[in-house]
């Protein structure tokens, strides 16, 4: 399976969440329903990719032969471009979701969903700039929201449809109409994956999609995780039909699944196609193994 010697390995705590495969494609792959090391790193860049995968892994299953990770090799928060950082350190309590830091023109940041909680991580993220808001996309990703919001002195946001998962939120989004929550930042309710699922759009450039849709490496396209839709796949299709003409962005930044940057026109075309495909979706039993990562 390997074409370069390596002492890296994946231990038996792996939950097949896909986080490591996003960060180290070609080095880590899915084998028999779990992540495995496919080959060793060939250069410093690939070594860095393995360290990113290891520090993001929610079960800490990605390990070098020494078994101990060097904290000096932790790349997070990892810049995706000049305004967005990937937090890494995915939490087992948020279903291993990705989380992000979005820089605003004032130099402040917004956190979209949350990484695992620790005081040291909070201090690390805050070194980029003050965090004013913690934006939760839906109920599955709420676990550490209050702790991060309190640590930063930030406002915690959630939609009323998922309010029971964060009843102490400071700001509650209501209904299905998009609302501007800060200059250049809109919350777009998109019920479907859960009743209170929300997209956050920034500067007509970034779409933080939560679990509503993602970029699939398998299909090389935007997809809906229809086999893991907790509320209603028909409602998700209706939400897409209602909003797709108003969604303009270049970066797709989901909670689960891959990230991708494309020209806004190309993203719009693919979103229209996704909305058309979604109209034919019907309820099905929850099946994590059917997701096309």
C-alpha atoms as a PDB file:
ATOM      1  CA  UNK A   1       0.000   0.000   0.000  1.00  0.00           C
ATOM      2  CA  UNK A   2       2.946   2.340   0.592  1.00  0.00           C
ATOM      3  CA  UNK A   3       5.569   3.479  -1.904  1.00  0.00           C
ATOM      4  CA  UNK A   4       7.691   5.425   0.603  1.00  0.00           C
ATOM      5  CA  UNK A   5       8.831   4.119   4.013  1.00  0.00           C
ATOM      6  CA  UNK A   6       7.087   5.705   6.966  1.00  0.00           C
ATOM      7  CA  UNK A   7       6.645   5.266  10.695  1.00  0.00           C
ATOM      8  CA  UNK A   8       3.387   7.254  10.722  1.00  0.00           C
ATOM      9  CA  UNK A   9       0.296   5.216  11.563  1.00  0.00           C
ATOM     10  CA  UNK A  10      -3.438   5.486  12.364  1.00  0.00           C
ATOM     11  CA  UNK A  11      -4.512   3.882  15.621  1.00  0.00           C
ATOM     12  CA  UNK A  12      -7.723   1.974  16.283  1.00  0.00           C
ATOM     13  CA  UNK A  13      -9.617   4.990  17.660  1.00  0.00           C
ATOM     14  CA  UNK A  14     -10.227   6.281  14.117  1.00  0.00           C
ATOM     15  CA  UNK A  15     -13.898   7.063  13.474  1.00  0.00           C
ATOM     16  CA  UNK A  16     -13.531   7.577   9.699  1.00  0.00           C
ATOM     17  CA  UNK A  17     -14.522  11.246   9.977  1.00  0.00           C
ATOM     18  CA  UNK A  18     -12.538  12.326   6.862  1.00  0.00           C
ATOM     19  CA  UNK A  19     -10.722  15.236   8.575  1.00  0.00           C
ATOM     20  CA  UNK A  20      -7.247  13.772   8.076  1.00  0.00           C
ATOM     21  CA  UNK A  21      -7.943  12.891   4.447  1.00  0.00           C
ATOM     22  CA  UNK A  22      -8.903  16.502   3.721  1.00  0.00           C
ATOM     23  CA  UNK A  23      -5.572  17.756   5.048  1.00  0.00           C
ATOM     24  CA  UNK A  24      -3.241  15.068   3.731  1.00  0.00           C
ATOM     25  CA  UNK A  25      -4.749  13.819   0.433  1.00  0.00           C
ATOM     26  CA  UNK A  26      -2.669  11.104  -1.174  1.00  0.00           C
ATOM     27  CA  UNK A  27      -0.911  10.415   2.122  1.00  0.00           C
ATOM     28  CA  UNK A  28      -3.981   9.323   4.079  1.00  0.00           C
ATOM     29  CA  UNK A  29      -6.889   7.512   2.457  1.00  0.00           C
ATOM     30  CA  UNK A  30      -9.974   5.500   3.301  1.00  0.00           C
ATOM     31  CA  UNK A  31      -9.328   1.749   3.527  1.00  0.00           C
ATOM     32  CA  UNK A  32     -12.005  -0.668   4.754  1.00  0.00           C
ATOM     33  CA  UNK A  33     -14.068   2.045   6.402  1.00  0.00           C
ATOM     34  CA  UNK A  34     -11.319   3.935   8.207  1.00  0.00           C
ATOM     35  CA  UNK A  35      -8.355   6.172   7.493  1.00  0.00           C
ATOM     36  CA  UNK A  36      -4.984   4.584   6.790  1.00  0.00           C
ATOM     37  CA  UNK A  37      -1.534   5.915   5.943  1.00  0.00           C
ATOM     38  CA  UNK A  38      -1.084   5.252   2.221  1.00  0.00           C
ATOM     39  CA  UNK A  39       2.565   6.252   1.991  1.00  0.00           C
ATOM     40  CA  UNK A  40       5.231   8.243   3.730  1.00  0.00           C
ATOM     41  CA  UNK A  41       5.960  11.937   3.100  1.00  0.00           C
ATOM     42  CA  UNK A  42       8.400  12.689   0.273  1.00  0.00           C
ATOM     43  CA  UNK A  43       9.271  16.254   1.250  1.00  0.00           C
ATOM     44  CA  UNK A  44       8.816  18.914   3.922  1.00  0.00           C
ATOM     45  CA  UNK A  45       5.447  19.997   2.524  1.00  0.00           C
ATOM     46  CA  UNK A  46       4.016  16.501   2.847  1.00  0.00           C
ATOM     47  CA  UNK A  47       5.500  16.201   6.331  1.00  0.00           C
ATOM     48  CA  UNK A  48       3.618  19.385   7.229  1.00  0.00           C
ATOM     49  CA  UNK A  49       0.423  17.928   5.785  1.00  0.00           C
ATOM     50  CA  UNK A  50       0.704  14.886   8.034  1.00  0.00           C
ATOM     51  CA  UNK A  51       1.242  17.095  11.066  1.00  0.00           C
ATOM     52  CA  UNK A  52      -1.818  19.160  10.123  1.00  0.00           C
ATOM     53  CA  UNK A  53      -3.871  15.962   9.872  1.00  0.00           C
ATOM     54  CA  UNK A  54      -2.546  14.775  13.230  1.00  0.00           C
ATOM     55  CA  UNK A  55      -3.324  18.010  15.075  1.00  0.00           C
ATOM     56  CA  UNK A  56      -6.796  18.247  13.520  1.00  0.00           C
ATOM     57  CA  UNK A  57      -7.801  14.610  14.122  1.00  0.00           C
ATOM     58  CA  UNK A  58     -10.572  14.575  16.775  1.00  0.00           C
ATOM     59  CA  UNK A  59      -9.459  11.234  18.224  1.00  0.00           C
ATOM     60  CA  UNK A  60      -5.714  11.997  17.942  1.00  0.00           C
ATOM     61  CA  UNK A  61      -5.405   8.801  15.915  1.00  0.00           C
ATOM     62  CA  UNK A  62      -2.762  10.065  13.446  1.00  0.00           C
ATOM     63  CA  UNK A  63       0.657   9.469  14.987  1.00  0.00           C
ATOM     64  CA  UNK A  64       4.359   9.454  14.096  1.00  0.00           C
ATOM     65  CA  UNK A  65       6.433   6.481  15.146  1.00  0.00           C
ATOM     66  CA  UNK A  66       7.490   8.269  18.324  1.00  0.00           C
ATOM     67  CA  UNK A  67       3.785   8.360  19.281  1.00  0.00           C
ATOM     68  CA  UNK A  68       4.262  11.932  20.537  1.00  0.00           C
ATOM     69  CA  UNK A  69       3.413  14.988  18.480  1.00  0.00           C
ATOM     70  CA  UNK A  70       5.803  17.919  18.638  1.00  0.00           C
ATOM     71  CA  UNK A  71       3.682  20.959  19.619  1.00  0.00           C
ATOM     72  CA  UNK A  72       6.029  23.168  17.612  1.00  0.00           C
ATOM     73  CA  UNK A  73       4.734  21.427  14.464  1.00  0.00           C
ATOM     74  CA  UNK A  74       1.115  22.456  15.122  1.00  0.00           C
ATOM     75  CA  UNK A  75       0.123  24.606  12.085  1.00  0.00           C
ATOM     76  CA  UNK A  76      -3.212  25.864  13.426  1.00  0.00           C
ATOM     77  CA  UNK A  77      -4.846  28.272  12.973  1.00  0.00           C
ATOM     78  CA  UNK A  78      -3.975  27.585   9.334  1.00  0.00           C
ATOM     79  CA  UNK A  79      -4.429  30.422   6.812  1.00  0.00           C
ATOM     80  CA  UNK A  80      -6.608  29.474   3.823  1.00  0.00           C
ATOM     81  CA  UNK A  81      -6.311  32.977   2.400  1.00  0.00           C
ATOM     82  CA  UNK A  82      -5.880  36.521   3.718  1.00  0.00           C
ATOM     83  CA  UNK A  83      -9.197  36.537   5.612  1.00  0.00           C
ATOM     84  CA  UNK A  84      -9.953  32.962   6.706  1.00  0.00           C
ATOM     85  CA  UNK A  85      -8.096  30.564   8.978  1.00  0.00           C
ATOM     86  CA  UNK A  86      -8.968  26.916   9.572  1.00  0.00           C
ATOM     87  CA  UNK A  87      -8.997  26.299  13.331  1.00  0.00           C
ATOM     88  CA  UNK A  88      -8.026  22.615  13.255  1.00  0.00           C
ATOM     89  CA  UNK A  89      -8.190  20.675  16.546  1.00  0.00           C
ATOM     90  CA  UNK A  90     -11.568  19.227  15.573  1.00  0.00           C
ATOM     91  CA  UNK A  91     -13.677  18.085  18.497  1.00  0.00           C
ATOM     92  CA  UNK A  92     -15.269  14.673  19.025  1.00  0.00           C
ATOM     93  CA  UNK A  93     -18.138  16.574  20.685  1.00  0.00           C
ATOM     94  CA  UNK A  94     -19.031  18.457  17.483  1.00  0.00           C
ATOM     95  CA  UNK A  95     -19.031  15.354  15.252  1.00  0.00           C
ATOM     96  CA  UNK A  96     -15.448  16.265  14.231  1.00  0.00           C
ATOM     97  CA  UNK A  97     -16.634  19.416  12.445  1.00  0.00           C
ATOM     98  CA  UNK A  98     -14.269  21.921  10.875  1.00  0.00           C
ATOM     99  CA  UNK A  99     -14.331  25.442  12.279  1.00  0.00           C
ATOM    100  CA  UNK A 100     -13.039  28.730  10.947  1.00  0.00           C
ATOM    101  CA  UNK A 101     -11.935  32.235  11.883  1.00  0.00           C
ATOM    102  CA  UNK A 102     -13.109  35.030   9.581  1.00  0.00           C
ATOM    103  CA  UNK A 103     -11.265  38.356   9.665  1.00  0.00           C
ATOM    104  CA  UNK A 104     -13.297  41.513   9.331  1.00  0.00           C
ATOM    105  CA  UNK A 105     -12.007  44.885   7.996  1.00  0.00           C
ATOM    106  CA  UNK A 106     -11.662  46.226  11.557  1.00  0.00           C
ATOM    107  CA  UNK A 107      -9.170  43.463  12.389  1.00  0.00           C
ATOM    108  CA  UNK A 108     -11.630  41.571  14.590  1.00  0.00           C
ATOM    109  CA  UNK A 109     -12.578  37.952  13.957  1.00  0.00           C
ATOM    110  CA  UNK A 110     -15.711  35.829  13.859  1.00  0.00           C
ATOM    111  CA  UNK A 111     -15.491  32.122  14.757  1.00  0.00           C
ATOM    112  CA  UNK A 112     -17.757  29.855  12.718  1.00  0.00           C
ATOM    113  CA  UNK A 113     -18.502  26.678  14.668  1.00  0.00           C
ATOM    114  CA  UNK A 114     -15.900  25.636  17.213  1.00  0.00           C
ATOM    115  CA  UNK A 115     -12.812  23.452  17.620  1.00  0.00           C
ATOM    116  CA  UNK A 116     -12.195  21.361  20.734  1.00  0.00           C
ATOM    117  CA  UNK A 117     -12.111  23.481  23.854  1.00  0.00           C
ATOM    118  CA  UNK A 118      -8.980  24.414  25.768  1.00  0.00           C
ATOM    119  CA  UNK A 119      -7.747  27.646  27.274  1.00  0.00           C
ATOM    120  CA  UNK A 120      -4.466  27.283  25.381  1.00  0.00           C
ATOM    121  CA  UNK A 121      -6.286  26.970  22.054  1.00  0.00           C
ATOM    122  CA  UNK A 122      -8.508  29.963  22.835  1.00  0.00           C
ATOM    123  CA  UNK A 123      -5.402  32.046  23.536  1.00  0.00           C
ATOM    124  CA  UNK A 124      -3.814  30.815  20.311  1.00  0.00           C
ATOM    125  CA  UNK A 125      -6.827  31.832  18.214  1.00  0.00           C
ATOM    126  CA  UNK A 126      -7.159  35.174  19.976  1.00  0.00           C
ATOM    127  CA  UNK A 127      -3.605  36.110  19.038  1.00  0.00           C
ATOM    128  CA  UNK A 128      -4.921  36.696  15.517  1.00  0.00           C
ATOM    129  CA  UNK A 129      -7.225  39.416  16.851  1.00  0.00           C
ATOM    130  CA  UNK A 130     -10.270  39.902  19.109  1.00  0.00           C
ATOM    131  CA  UNK A 131     -13.170  37.528  18.420  1.00  0.00           C
ATOM    132  CA  UNK A 132     -16.521  39.342  18.540  1.00  0.00           C
ATOM    133  CA  UNK A 133     -18.955  36.579  17.523  1.00  0.00           C
ATOM    134  CA  UNK A 134     -19.240  32.797  17.595  1.00  0.00           C
ATOM    135  CA  UNK A 135     -21.584  31.724  14.781  1.00  0.00           C
ATOM    136  CA  UNK A 136     -23.109  28.263  15.129  1.00  0.00           C
ATOM    137  CA  UNK A 137     -24.359  26.675  11.926  1.00  0.00           C
ATOM    138  CA  UNK A 138     -26.631  24.113  13.630  1.00  0.00           C
ATOM    139  CA  UNK A 139     -27.211  21.923  16.657  1.00  0.00           C
ATOM    140  CA  UNK A 140     -24.542  19.276  15.974  1.00  0.00           C
ATOM    141  CA  UNK A 141     -21.760  21.855  16.352  1.00  0.00           C
ATOM    142  CA  UNK A 142     -22.800  23.641  19.540  1.00  0.00           C
ATOM    143  CA  UNK A 143     -20.742  21.755  22.146  1.00  0.00           C
ATOM    144  CA  UNK A 144     -18.098  24.399  22.916  1.00  0.00           C
ATOM    145  CA  UNK A 145     -19.900  27.508  21.715  1.00  0.00           C
ATOM    146  CA  UNK A 146     -20.690  28.997  25.107  1.00  0.00           C
ATOM    147  CA  UNK A 147     -17.188  28.416  26.490  1.00  0.00           C
ATOM    148  CA  UNK A 148     -15.502  30.070  23.517  1.00  0.00           C
ATOM    149  CA  UNK A 149     -17.982  32.960  23.503  1.00  0.00           C
ATOM    150  CA  UNK A 150     -17.458  33.582  27.213  1.00  0.00           C
ATOM    151  CA  UNK A 151     -13.683  33.321  26.889  1.00  0.00           C
ATOM    152  CA  UNK A 152     -13.622  35.847  24.041  1.00  0.00           C
ATOM    153  CA  UNK A 153     -16.364  38.090  25.431  1.00  0.00           C
ATOM    154  CA  UNK A 154     -18.200  37.353  22.182  1.00  0.00           C
ATOM    155  CA  UNK A 155     -21.848  36.966  21.155  1.00  0.00           C
ATOM    156  CA  UNK A 156     -23.089  33.416  20.561  1.00  0.00           C
ATOM    157  CA  UNK A 157     -25.480  32.965  17.594  1.00  0.00           C
ATOM    158  CA  UNK A 158     -27.866  30.149  16.680  1.00  0.00           C
ATOM    159  CA  UNK A 159     -31.175  29.736  14.828  1.00  0.00           C
ATOM    160  CA  UNK A 160     -34.417  29.295  16.760  1.00  0.00           C
ATOM    161  CA  UNK A 161     -34.954  25.891  15.131  1.00  0.00           C
ATOM    162  CA  UNK A 162     -31.946  24.521  17.031  1.00  0.00           C
ATOM    163  CA  UNK A 163     -32.178  26.802  20.069  1.00  0.00           C
ATOM    164  CA  UNK A 164     -32.680  23.897  22.472  1.00  0.00           C
ATOM    165  CA  UNK A 165     -29.061  22.882  21.706  1.00  0.00           C
ATOM    166  CA  UNK A 166     -27.763  26.323  22.801  1.00  0.00           C
ATOM    167  CA  UNK A 167     -30.533  27.854  24.934  1.00  0.00           C
ATOM    168  CA  UNK A 168     -28.161  30.465  26.384  1.00  0.00           C
ATOM    169  CA  UNK A 169     -27.286  31.958  22.965  1.00  0.00           C
ATOM    170  CA  UNK A 170     -26.985  35.744  22.924  1.00  0.00           C
ATOM    171  CA  UNK A 171     -28.467  36.219  19.454  1.00  0.00           C
ATOM    172  CA  UNK A 172     -31.255  34.063  17.993  1.00  0.00           C
ATOM    173  CA  UNK A 173     -31.919  33.997  14.249  1.00  0.00           C
ATOM    174  CA  UNK A 174     -35.557  33.526  13.286  1.00  0.00           C
ATOM    175  CA  UNK A 175     -37.574  32.518  10.238  1.00  0.00           C
ATOM    176  CA  UNK A 176     -36.165  31.763   6.803  1.00  0.00           C
ATOM    177  CA  UNK A 177     -35.184  35.198   5.523  1.00  0.00           C
ATOM    178  CA  UNK A 178     -31.524  36.148   5.223  1.00  0.00           C
ATOM    179  CA  UNK A 179     -30.374  38.807   7.667  1.00  0.00           C
ATOM    180  CA  UNK A 180     -27.241  40.953   7.820  1.00  0.00           C
ATOM    181  CA  UNK A 181     -25.595  40.302  11.190  1.00  0.00           C
ATOM    182  CA  UNK A 182     -22.516  42.465  10.588  1.00  0.00           C
ATOM    183  CA  UNK A 183     -21.266  44.607   7.759  1.00  0.00           C
ATOM    184  CA  UNK A 184     -20.695  42.283   4.825  1.00  0.00           C
ATOM    185  CA  UNK A 185     -21.881  39.167   6.721  1.00  0.00           C
ATOM    186  CA  UNK A 186     -25.294  37.552   6.194  1.00  0.00           C
ATOM    187  CA  UNK A 187     -26.942  34.657   7.981  1.00  0.00           C
ATOM    188  CA  UNK A 188     -29.067  32.586   5.597  1.00  0.00           C
ATOM    189  CA  UNK A 189     -31.401  30.077   7.296  1.00  0.00           C
ATOM    190  CA  UNK A 190     -31.388  26.788   5.374  1.00  0.00           C
ATOM    191  CA  UNK A 191     -33.550  24.243   7.216  1.00  0.00           C
ATOM    192  CA  UNK A 192     -33.007  20.694   6.073  1.00  0.00           C
ATOM    193  CA  UNK A 193     -29.977  19.010   7.617  1.00  0.00           C
ATOM    194  CA  UNK A 194     -31.469  20.211  10.897  1.00  0.00           C
ATOM    195  CA  UNK A 195     -34.449  22.467  11.481  1.00  0.00           C
ATOM    196  CA  UNK A 196     -32.167  25.349  12.454  1.00  0.00           C
ATOM    197  CA  UNK A 197     -29.352  24.974   9.932  1.00  0.00           C
ATOM    198  CA  UNK A 198     -27.817  28.269   8.799  1.00  0.00           C
ATOM    199  CA  UNK A 199     -25.291  29.365   6.171  1.00  0.00           C
ATOM    200  CA  UNK A 200     -23.064  32.350   6.837  1.00  0.00           C
ATOM    201  CA  UNK A 201     -22.031  34.356   3.768  1.00  0.00           C
ATOM    202  CA  UNK A 202     -19.290  36.980   3.904  1.00  0.00           C
ATOM    203  CA  UNK A 203     -18.292  39.615   1.355  1.00  0.00           C
ATOM    204  CA  UNK A 204     -19.816  37.634  -1.552  1.00  0.00           C
ATOM    205  CA  UNK A 205     -16.663  35.555  -1.232  1.00  0.00           C
ATOM    206  CA  UNK A 206     -17.072  33.010   1.558  1.00  0.00           C
ATOM    207  CA  UNK A 207     -19.833  30.494   2.279  1.00  0.00           C
ATOM    208  CA  UNK A 208     -19.642  28.716   5.640  1.00  0.00           C
ATOM    209  CA  UNK A 209     -22.147  25.990   4.870  1.00  0.00           C
ATOM    210  CA  UNK A 210     -22.181  23.926   8.052  1.00  0.00           C
ATOM    211  CA  UNK A 211     -23.499  20.498   7.101  1.00  0.00           C
ATOM    212  CA  UNK A 212     -25.937  21.717   4.438  1.00  0.00           C
ATOM    213  CA  UNK A 213     -23.598  21.000   1.502  1.00  0.00           C
ATOM    214  CA  UNK A 214     -19.894  20.378   0.878  1.00  0.00           C
ATOM    215  CA  UNK A 215     -17.291  19.717  -1.809  1.00  0.00           C
ATOM    216  CA  UNK A 216     -16.951  16.010  -2.583  1.00  0.00           C
ATOM    217  CA  UNK A 217     -13.596  14.628  -3.716  1.00  0.00           C
ATOM    218  CA  UNK A 218     -15.433  11.563  -5.022  1.00  0.00           C
ATOM    219  CA  UNK A 219     -17.721  13.426  -7.419  1.00  0.00           C
ATOM    220  CA  UNK A 220     -15.586  16.572  -7.793  1.00  0.00           C
ATOM    221  CA  UNK A 221     -18.690  18.662  -7.195  1.00  0.00           C
ATOM    222  CA  UNK A 222     -20.889  20.254  -4.538  1.00  0.00           C
ATOM    223  CA  UNK A 223     -23.000  17.642  -2.781  1.00  0.00           C
ATOM    224  CA  UNK A 224     -25.647  17.263  -0.097  1.00  0.00           C
ATOM    225  CA  UNK A 225     -25.106  14.566   2.527  1.00  0.00           C
ATOM    226  CA  UNK A 226     -28.586  13.201   1.860  1.00  0.00           C
ATOM    227  CA  UNK A 227     -27.914  10.011   3.830  1.00  0.00           C
ATOM    228  CA  UNK A 228     -27.153  12.084   6.941  1.00  0.00           C
ATOM    229  CA  UNK A 229     -30.037  14.556   6.902  1.00  0.00           C
ATOM    230  CA  UNK A 230     -31.645  14.599  10.334  1.00  0.00           C
ATOM    231  CA  UNK A 231     -34.616  16.912   9.756  1.00  0.00           C
ATOM    232  CA  UNK A 232     -35.914  16.696   6.180  1.00  0.00           C
ATOM    233  CA  UNK A 233     -34.254  16.242   2.812  1.00  0.00           C
ATOM    234  CA  UNK A 234     -37.384  17.625   1.143  1.00  0.00           C
ATOM    235  CA  UNK A 235     -37.134  20.740   3.310  1.00  0.00           C
ATOM    236  CA  UNK A 236     -33.476  21.032   2.361  1.00  0.00           C
ATOM    237  CA  UNK A 237     -34.431  20.900  -1.323  1.00  0.00           C
ATOM    238  CA  UNK A 238     -37.038  23.617  -0.744  1.00  0.00           C
ATOM    239  CA  UNK A 239     -34.477  25.737   1.128  1.00  0.00           C
ATOM    240  CA  UNK A 240     -32.013  25.471  -1.739  1.00  0.00           C
ATOM    241  CA  UNK A 241     -34.684  26.350  -4.291  1.00  0.00           C
ATOM    242  CA  UNK A 242     -35.658  29.393  -2.245  1.00  0.00           C
ATOM    243  CA  UNK A 243     -32.150  30.738  -1.703  1.00  0.00           C
ATOM    244  CA  UNK A 244     -29.905  29.529  -4.520  1.00  0.00           C
ATOM    245  CA  UNK A 245     -30.371  32.597  -6.718  1.00  0.00           C
ATOM    246  CA  UNK A 246     -29.086  34.796  -3.867  1.00  0.00           C
ATOM    247  CA  UNK A 247     -26.032  32.746  -2.902  1.00  0.00           C
ATOM    248  CA  UNK A 248     -22.882  34.266  -4.357  1.00  0.00           C
ATOM    249  CA  UNK A 249     -19.470  33.107  -3.155  1.00  0.00           C
ATOM    250  CA  UNK A 250     -16.060  31.842  -4.248  1.00  0.00           C
ATOM    251  CA  UNK A 251     -15.017  29.770  -1.216  1.00  0.00           C
ATOM    252  CA  UNK A 252     -17.102  26.811  -0.045  1.00  0.00           C
ATOM    253  CA  UNK A 253     -16.146  26.180   3.597  1.00  0.00           C
ATOM    254  CA  UNK A 254     -18.220  23.341   5.110  1.00  0.00           C
ATOM    255  CA  UNK A 255     -18.290  21.735   8.515  1.00  0.00           C
ATOM    256  CA  UNK A 256     -17.742  18.303   6.999  1.00  0.00           C
ATOM    257  CA  UNK A 257     -16.334  17.435   3.594  1.00  0.00           C
ATOM    258  CA  UNK A 258     -13.766  19.230   1.518  1.00  0.00           C
ATOM    259  CA  UNK A 259     -13.248  22.934   0.922  1.00  0.00           C
ATOM    260  CA  UNK A 260     -12.990  24.420  -2.540  1.00  0.00           C
ATOM    261  CA  UNK A 261     -12.411  27.804  -4.178  1.00  0.00           C
ATOM    262  CA  UNK A 262     -13.809  28.517  -7.657  1.00  0.00           C
ATOM    263  CA  UNK A 263     -14.865  31.658  -9.536  1.00  0.00           C
ATOM    264  CA  UNK A 264     -18.196  32.949  -8.225  1.00  0.00           C
ATOM    265  CA  UNK A 265     -19.918  32.280 -11.550  1.00  0.00           C
ATOM    266  CA  UNK A 266     -18.792  28.662 -11.536  1.00  0.00           C
ATOM    267  CA  UNK A 267     -19.939  28.210  -7.941  1.00  0.00           C
ATOM    268  CA  UNK A 268     -23.328  29.709  -8.863  1.00  0.00           C
ATOM    269  CA  UNK A 269     -23.685  27.287 -11.794  1.00  0.00           C
ATOM    270  CA  UNK A 270     -22.861  24.300  -9.605  1.00  0.00           C
ATOM    271  CA  UNK A 271     -25.256  25.478  -6.892  1.00  0.00           C
ATOM    272  CA  UNK A 272     -28.056  25.681  -9.436  1.00  0.00           C
ATOM    273  CA  UNK A 273     -27.296  22.118 -10.485  1.00  0.00           C
ATOM    274  CA  UNK A 274     -27.242  21.002  -6.842  1.00  0.00           C
ATOM    275  CA  UNK A 275     -30.657  22.592  -6.243  1.00  0.00           C
ATOM    276  CA  UNK A 276     -32.012  20.755  -9.295  1.00  0.00           C
ATOM    277  CA  UNK A 277     -30.606  17.412  -8.074  1.00  0.00           C
ATOM    278  CA  UNK A 278     -31.976  17.997  -4.580  1.00  0.00           C
ATOM    279  CA  UNK A 279     -35.534  18.215  -5.934  1.00  0.00           C
ATOM    280  CA  UNK A 280     -35.347  14.496  -6.681  1.00  0.00           C
ATOM    281  CA  UNK A 281     -34.105  13.453  -3.249  1.00  0.00           C
ATOM    282  CA  UNK A 282     -36.356  11.440  -0.966  1.00  0.00           C
ATOM    283  CA  UNK A 283     -36.050  10.434   2.712  1.00  0.00           C
ATOM    284  CA  UNK A 284     -33.741   7.529   3.412  1.00  0.00           C
ATOM    285  CA  UNK A 285     -32.341   5.864   6.522  1.00  0.00           C
ATOM    286  CA  UNK A 286     -29.359   7.571   8.113  1.00  0.00           C
ATOM    287  CA  UNK A 287     -26.218   5.904   6.785  1.00  0.00           C
ATOM    288  CA  UNK A 288     -22.832   7.516   7.401  1.00  0.00           C
ATOM    289  CA  UNK A 289     -21.112   5.000   5.123  1.00  0.00           C
ATOM    290  CA  UNK A 290     -23.094   6.279   2.119  1.00  0.00           C
ATOM    291  CA  UNK A 291     -21.622   9.813   2.233  1.00  0.00           C
ATOM    292  CA  UNK A 292     -19.498  10.458  -0.854  1.00  0.00           C
ATOM    293  CA  UNK A 293     -16.516  12.263   0.647  1.00  0.00           C
END
